N, C-alpha and C. Protein backbone atom coordinates (compact mmCIF):
# COMPACT_ATOMS: atom_id res chain seq x y z
N MET A 1 139.04 221.89 -30.99
CA MET A 1 137.87 222.64 -31.42
C MET A 1 138.00 224.12 -31.09
N ALA A 2 138.65 224.43 -29.96
CA ALA A 2 138.82 225.84 -29.60
C ALA A 2 139.61 226.58 -30.67
N ARG A 3 140.67 225.93 -31.21
CA ARG A 3 141.44 226.57 -32.27
C ARG A 3 140.55 226.87 -33.47
N TRP A 4 139.68 225.92 -33.79
CA TRP A 4 138.79 226.07 -34.94
C TRP A 4 137.85 227.25 -34.74
N ARG A 5 137.28 227.36 -33.56
CA ARG A 5 136.36 228.47 -33.31
C ARG A 5 137.06 229.82 -33.40
N LEU A 6 138.30 229.88 -32.93
CA LEU A 6 139.06 231.12 -33.06
C LEU A 6 139.29 231.46 -34.52
N LEU A 7 139.66 230.45 -35.32
CA LEU A 7 139.88 230.69 -36.74
C LEU A 7 138.60 231.18 -37.40
N LEU A 8 137.48 230.60 -37.03
CA LEU A 8 136.22 230.94 -37.67
C LEU A 8 135.59 232.20 -37.09
N GLY A 9 136.10 232.71 -36.00
CA GLY A 9 135.68 234.01 -35.52
C GLY A 9 134.44 234.05 -34.66
N GLY A 10 134.08 233.00 -33.98
CA GLY A 10 132.99 233.07 -33.02
C GLY A 10 131.62 232.85 -33.61
N SER A 11 130.69 233.71 -33.26
CA SER A 11 129.28 233.56 -33.60
C SER A 11 129.03 233.45 -35.10
N PRO A 12 128.23 232.48 -35.52
CA PRO A 12 127.95 232.33 -36.94
C PRO A 12 126.81 233.20 -37.44
N GLU A 13 126.29 234.09 -36.65
CA GLU A 13 125.10 234.85 -37.02
C GLU A 13 125.39 236.33 -37.27
N PRO A 14 125.75 236.74 -38.50
CA PRO A 14 125.95 238.15 -38.76
C PRO A 14 124.61 238.87 -38.87
N GLU A 15 124.62 240.16 -38.64
CA GLU A 15 123.43 240.96 -38.81
C GLU A 15 123.71 242.03 -39.85
N LEU A 16 122.71 242.35 -40.61
CA LEU A 16 122.87 243.40 -41.60
C LEU A 16 122.72 244.74 -40.90
N GLY A 17 123.63 245.65 -41.22
CA GLY A 17 123.68 246.89 -40.47
C GLY A 17 123.01 248.08 -41.09
N SER A 18 122.48 247.98 -42.28
CA SER A 18 121.89 249.16 -42.88
C SER A 18 120.55 248.83 -43.50
N GLY A 19 119.96 249.82 -44.08
CA GLY A 19 118.62 249.76 -44.61
C GLY A 19 118.29 248.62 -45.54
N PHE A 20 117.92 248.94 -46.75
CA PHE A 20 117.38 247.99 -47.71
C PHE A 20 118.42 246.99 -48.18
N VAL A 21 118.08 245.72 -48.09
CA VAL A 21 118.93 244.64 -48.58
C VAL A 21 118.09 243.84 -49.57
N THR A 22 118.61 243.63 -50.76
CA THR A 22 117.85 242.95 -51.80
C THR A 22 117.71 241.46 -51.49
N PRO A 23 116.68 240.84 -52.03
CA PRO A 23 116.44 239.43 -51.77
C PRO A 23 117.61 238.52 -52.16
N ASP A 24 118.32 238.85 -53.23
CA ASP A 24 119.44 238.00 -53.61
C ASP A 24 120.59 238.07 -52.60
N VAL A 25 120.79 239.21 -51.97
CA VAL A 25 121.81 239.32 -50.92
C VAL A 25 121.37 238.54 -49.69
N VAL A 26 120.10 238.64 -49.34
CA VAL A 26 119.57 237.89 -48.21
C VAL A 26 119.70 236.39 -48.46
N SER A 27 119.39 235.96 -49.68
CA SER A 27 119.51 234.55 -50.04
C SER A 27 120.96 234.08 -49.95
N ALA A 28 121.88 234.88 -50.48
CA ALA A 28 123.31 234.52 -50.41
C ALA A 28 123.75 234.43 -48.96
N LYS A 29 123.34 235.38 -48.16
CA LYS A 29 123.70 235.40 -46.74
C LYS A 29 123.19 234.12 -46.05
N PHE A 30 121.99 233.72 -46.38
CA PHE A 30 121.42 232.50 -45.81
C PHE A 30 122.26 231.28 -46.21
N GLU A 31 122.67 231.21 -47.48
CA GLU A 31 123.53 230.11 -47.95
C GLU A 31 124.86 230.12 -47.21
N TRP A 32 125.45 231.30 -47.03
CA TRP A 32 126.74 231.40 -46.36
C TRP A 32 126.65 230.92 -44.91
N GLU A 33 125.58 231.32 -44.24
CA GLU A 33 125.40 230.91 -42.84
C GLU A 33 125.25 229.39 -42.73
N GLY A 34 124.48 228.80 -43.63
CA GLY A 34 124.30 227.35 -43.61
C GLY A 34 125.61 226.62 -43.88
N ALA A 35 126.39 227.13 -44.81
CA ALA A 35 127.69 226.52 -45.10
C ALA A 35 128.63 226.65 -43.91
N TYR A 36 128.59 227.78 -43.26
CA TYR A 36 129.43 227.98 -42.08
C TYR A 36 129.08 226.96 -40.99
N ARG A 37 127.80 226.80 -40.73
CA ARG A 37 127.38 225.82 -39.72
C ARG A 37 127.82 224.41 -40.11
N GLY A 38 127.69 224.08 -41.38
CA GLY A 38 128.13 222.78 -41.86
C GLY A 38 129.63 222.59 -41.74
N LEU A 39 130.39 223.64 -41.99
CA LEU A 39 131.84 223.56 -41.86
C LEU A 39 132.26 223.36 -40.41
N VAL A 40 131.63 224.08 -39.51
CA VAL A 40 131.93 223.92 -38.09
C VAL A 40 131.65 222.48 -37.66
N GLU A 41 130.53 221.94 -38.12
CA GLU A 41 130.19 220.55 -37.79
C GLU A 41 131.21 219.57 -38.38
N ALA A 42 131.57 219.77 -39.63
CA ALA A 42 132.54 218.89 -40.28
C ALA A 42 133.90 218.96 -39.60
N ALA A 43 134.25 220.13 -39.09
CA ALA A 43 135.55 220.32 -38.45
C ALA A 43 135.63 219.61 -37.10
N ASN A 44 134.52 219.11 -36.60
CA ASN A 44 134.56 218.33 -35.36
C ASN A 44 135.30 217.01 -35.56
N ASP A 45 135.47 216.60 -36.80
CA ASP A 45 136.22 215.39 -37.12
C ASP A 45 137.70 215.77 -37.20
N PRO A 46 138.51 215.34 -36.23
CA PRO A 46 139.92 215.72 -36.22
C PRO A 46 140.67 215.32 -37.50
N ALA A 47 140.23 214.28 -38.16
CA ALA A 47 140.88 213.84 -39.39
C ALA A 47 140.67 214.83 -40.54
N ARG A 48 139.62 215.64 -40.46
CA ARG A 48 139.29 216.59 -41.53
C ARG A 48 139.63 218.03 -41.17
N GLU A 49 139.83 218.31 -39.90
CA GLU A 49 139.97 219.68 -39.43
C GLU A 49 141.08 220.45 -40.16
N ASP A 50 142.26 219.87 -40.26
CA ASP A 50 143.38 220.59 -40.87
C ASP A 50 143.13 220.87 -42.35
N ASP A 51 142.62 219.90 -43.09
CA ASP A 51 142.34 220.12 -44.52
C ASP A 51 141.27 221.20 -44.70
N LEU A 52 140.24 221.17 -43.89
CA LEU A 52 139.18 222.18 -43.99
C LEU A 52 139.73 223.57 -43.67
N ARG A 53 140.57 223.66 -42.65
CA ARG A 53 141.17 224.95 -42.28
C ARG A 53 142.02 225.48 -43.43
N ARG A 54 142.83 224.61 -44.04
CA ARG A 54 143.69 225.03 -45.15
C ARG A 54 142.86 225.46 -46.36
N GLN A 55 141.77 224.76 -46.63
CA GLN A 55 140.88 225.14 -47.73
C GLN A 55 140.27 226.52 -47.45
N LEU A 56 139.80 226.71 -46.23
CA LEU A 56 139.20 227.98 -45.84
C LEU A 56 140.21 229.11 -45.97
N GLU A 57 141.42 228.90 -45.51
CA GLU A 57 142.45 229.93 -45.62
C GLU A 57 142.74 230.28 -47.07
N ALA A 58 142.77 229.28 -47.95
CA ALA A 58 143.02 229.54 -49.38
C ALA A 58 141.92 230.41 -49.97
N LEU A 59 140.66 230.12 -49.64
CA LEU A 59 139.56 230.92 -50.20
C LEU A 59 139.47 232.30 -49.56
N MET A 60 139.77 232.40 -48.28
CA MET A 60 139.77 233.73 -47.64
C MET A 60 140.85 234.61 -48.27
N SER A 61 142.00 234.04 -48.55
CA SER A 61 143.07 234.79 -49.20
C SER A 61 142.65 235.26 -50.59
N GLU A 62 141.99 234.39 -51.32
CA GLU A 62 141.53 234.76 -52.66
C GLU A 62 140.43 235.82 -52.59
N LEU A 63 139.57 235.74 -51.59
CA LEU A 63 138.55 236.78 -51.41
C LEU A 63 139.19 238.13 -51.12
N ARG A 64 140.22 238.15 -50.27
CA ARG A 64 140.92 239.41 -49.98
C ARG A 64 141.50 240.00 -51.26
N ARG A 65 142.05 239.15 -52.10
CA ARG A 65 142.64 239.61 -53.36
C ARG A 65 141.57 240.16 -54.30
N ARG A 66 140.43 239.50 -54.37
CA ARG A 66 139.39 239.86 -55.33
C ARG A 66 138.49 241.00 -54.85
N VAL A 67 138.16 241.03 -53.58
CA VAL A 67 137.18 241.99 -53.07
C VAL A 67 137.85 243.16 -52.36
N GLY A 68 138.99 242.91 -51.75
CA GLY A 68 139.69 243.97 -51.03
C GLY A 68 139.15 244.16 -49.63
N GLY A 69 139.56 245.25 -49.01
CA GLY A 69 139.20 245.52 -47.63
C GLY A 69 137.95 246.36 -47.44
N MET A 70 137.59 247.15 -48.42
CA MET A 70 136.39 248.00 -48.34
C MET A 70 135.37 247.47 -49.35
N PHE A 71 134.26 246.93 -48.83
CA PHE A 71 133.25 246.36 -49.72
C PHE A 71 131.92 246.33 -49.00
N THR A 72 130.87 246.19 -49.77
CA THR A 72 129.52 246.05 -49.23
C THR A 72 129.07 244.60 -49.36
N LEU A 73 128.00 244.26 -48.68
CA LEU A 73 127.43 242.93 -48.82
C LEU A 73 126.98 242.69 -50.26
N ARG A 74 126.49 243.72 -50.92
CA ARG A 74 126.08 243.62 -52.34
C ARG A 74 127.28 243.24 -53.20
N GLU A 75 128.42 243.92 -53.00
CA GLU A 75 129.61 243.60 -53.78
C GLU A 75 130.08 242.17 -53.51
N LEU A 76 130.00 241.76 -52.26
CA LEU A 76 130.40 240.40 -51.91
C LEU A 76 129.46 239.38 -52.55
N ALA A 77 128.17 239.66 -52.54
CA ALA A 77 127.20 238.76 -53.18
C ALA A 77 127.44 238.68 -54.69
N ASN A 78 127.83 239.79 -55.30
CA ASN A 78 128.16 239.77 -56.72
C ASN A 78 129.36 238.87 -57.00
N GLU A 79 130.34 238.90 -56.12
CA GLU A 79 131.52 238.04 -56.29
C GLU A 79 131.16 236.58 -56.07
N TYR A 80 130.21 236.33 -55.19
CA TYR A 80 129.76 234.97 -54.90
C TYR A 80 129.21 234.29 -56.16
N VAL A 81 128.56 235.06 -57.00
CA VAL A 81 128.00 234.52 -58.25
C VAL A 81 129.11 233.96 -59.14
N ARG A 82 130.28 234.58 -59.09
CA ARG A 82 131.41 234.15 -59.93
C ARG A 82 132.34 233.17 -59.22
N ALA A 83 132.11 232.89 -57.97
CA ALA A 83 133.08 232.16 -57.14
C ALA A 83 133.29 230.71 -57.53
N ASP A 84 132.30 230.07 -58.10
CA ASP A 84 132.48 228.65 -58.42
C ASP A 84 133.71 228.40 -59.30
N VAL A 85 133.96 229.29 -60.22
CA VAL A 85 135.11 229.11 -61.12
C VAL A 85 136.42 229.36 -60.38
N TRP A 86 136.56 230.53 -59.76
CA TRP A 86 137.85 230.84 -59.15
C TRP A 86 138.10 230.05 -57.86
N ALA A 87 137.05 229.64 -57.16
CA ALA A 87 137.25 228.85 -55.94
C ALA A 87 137.86 227.49 -56.29
N ARG A 88 137.40 226.88 -57.35
CA ARG A 88 137.98 225.61 -57.80
C ARG A 88 139.46 225.78 -58.10
N GLU A 89 139.78 226.83 -58.83
CA GLU A 89 141.16 227.09 -59.19
C GLU A 89 142.03 227.33 -57.95
N ALA A 90 141.52 228.12 -57.01
CA ALA A 90 142.29 228.43 -55.80
C ALA A 90 142.55 227.18 -54.97
N LEU A 91 141.54 226.33 -54.84
CA LEU A 91 141.71 225.12 -54.03
C LEU A 91 142.59 224.09 -54.75
N ALA A 92 142.47 223.99 -56.05
CA ALA A 92 143.33 223.08 -56.80
C ALA A 92 144.79 223.52 -56.68
N GLU A 93 145.01 224.82 -56.76
CA GLU A 93 146.36 225.36 -56.62
C GLU A 93 146.92 225.14 -55.21
N ALA A 94 146.07 225.22 -54.21
CA ALA A 94 146.50 225.02 -52.82
C ALA A 94 146.83 223.56 -52.54
N GLU A 95 146.37 222.67 -53.41
CA GLU A 95 146.66 221.24 -53.30
C GLU A 95 146.30 220.64 -51.94
N VAL A 96 145.13 221.02 -51.44
CA VAL A 96 144.65 220.47 -50.18
C VAL A 96 143.77 219.25 -50.51
N PRO A 97 144.07 218.10 -49.93
CA PRO A 97 143.28 216.90 -50.22
C PRO A 97 141.80 217.07 -49.89
N GLY A 98 140.96 216.47 -50.71
CA GLY A 98 139.53 216.42 -50.44
C GLY A 98 138.72 217.63 -50.87
N TRP A 99 139.35 218.64 -51.47
CA TRP A 99 138.61 219.86 -51.76
C TRP A 99 137.42 219.67 -52.71
N PRO A 100 137.45 218.75 -53.68
CA PRO A 100 136.25 218.63 -54.52
C PRO A 100 135.00 218.24 -53.73
N ARG A 101 135.17 217.47 -52.66
CA ARG A 101 134.01 217.05 -51.86
C ARG A 101 133.49 218.17 -50.94
N THR A 102 134.34 219.12 -50.63
CA THR A 102 133.95 220.14 -49.65
C THR A 102 133.88 221.55 -50.24
N LEU A 103 134.00 221.65 -51.54
CA LEU A 103 134.06 222.96 -52.20
C LEU A 103 132.91 223.88 -51.80
N SER A 104 131.68 223.44 -51.95
CA SER A 104 130.55 224.34 -51.69
C SER A 104 130.48 224.72 -50.22
N LEU A 105 130.81 223.80 -49.34
CA LEU A 105 130.79 224.06 -47.90
C LEU A 105 131.83 225.12 -47.53
N VAL A 106 133.05 224.91 -47.98
CA VAL A 106 134.14 225.84 -47.64
C VAL A 106 133.93 227.18 -48.33
N GLU A 107 133.45 227.16 -49.55
CA GLU A 107 133.20 228.41 -50.28
C GLU A 107 132.18 229.27 -49.54
N GLY A 108 131.05 228.68 -49.19
CA GLY A 108 130.03 229.44 -48.47
C GLY A 108 130.51 229.94 -47.13
N ALA A 109 131.26 229.10 -46.41
CA ALA A 109 131.78 229.50 -45.10
C ALA A 109 132.76 230.66 -45.24
N ALA A 110 133.59 230.63 -46.27
CA ALA A 110 134.53 231.73 -46.49
C ALA A 110 133.79 233.04 -46.74
N PHE A 111 132.74 232.99 -47.53
CA PHE A 111 131.95 234.20 -47.78
C PHE A 111 131.27 234.66 -46.49
N HIS A 112 130.77 233.73 -45.71
CA HIS A 112 130.14 234.08 -44.44
C HIS A 112 131.13 234.85 -43.56
N LEU A 113 132.31 234.30 -43.40
CA LEU A 113 133.30 234.94 -42.54
C LEU A 113 133.76 236.28 -43.11
N TYR A 114 133.94 236.34 -44.42
CA TYR A 114 134.40 237.58 -45.04
C TYR A 114 133.33 238.67 -44.97
N SER A 115 132.07 238.26 -44.94
CA SER A 115 130.98 239.25 -44.90
C SER A 115 131.06 240.13 -43.65
N ARG A 116 131.69 239.65 -42.61
CA ARG A 116 131.83 240.42 -41.37
C ARG A 116 132.65 241.68 -41.56
N GLY A 117 133.43 241.73 -42.64
CA GLY A 117 134.22 242.92 -42.91
C GLY A 117 133.53 243.92 -43.81
N ALA A 118 132.30 243.64 -44.22
CA ALA A 118 131.56 244.55 -45.10
C ALA A 118 131.26 245.86 -44.38
N VAL A 119 131.29 246.96 -45.12
CA VAL A 119 131.03 248.25 -44.50
C VAL A 119 129.59 248.37 -44.00
N ASP A 120 128.70 247.56 -44.53
CA ASP A 120 127.30 247.58 -44.09
C ASP A 120 126.95 246.41 -43.17
N TYR A 121 127.96 245.80 -42.59
CA TYR A 121 127.76 244.73 -41.61
C TYR A 121 127.80 245.33 -40.20
N ALA A 122 126.90 244.86 -39.35
CA ALA A 122 126.91 245.30 -37.95
C ALA A 122 126.74 244.09 -37.07
N PRO A 123 127.62 243.95 -36.05
CA PRO A 123 127.49 242.77 -35.15
C PRO A 123 126.24 242.81 -34.31
C-alpha cells in the first residue's frame, strides 16, 4: 500500500489556488476526487493493484501528451469532457486486463492527480 500511496502522491484533497472557478470545473474536480478515493480503495486488493497502477500510468501519460505541462484547471476540465473517447483507446492500447470495468474510476483519478500540476492549483 505504501508504494501505491507514493504513486498516487499523498493527500487526495487538492485546493483551488485562484479566484473565480466555474461550476463545471468544481463539478469535475468533485468527480475526480471521488474517483481517486475509489481507486485508492480498490488498490487495497493486491490482486488488482498492479493492473490499476498500469491503467493509471497509461492515462497519466496520455494526459501529459494532450494537455502538456502548463495548463489551468479550466483547460483540464475541457479535456475531461473529451476523455471518454481517448481514454478507452489509451487503455485498450496498453492492453491492461480489466480496464473496461475500471475505466471511469481510473480516468477520474488520473485527472485528479494531474490537476495538481495546474498553474492555478495550490496545495
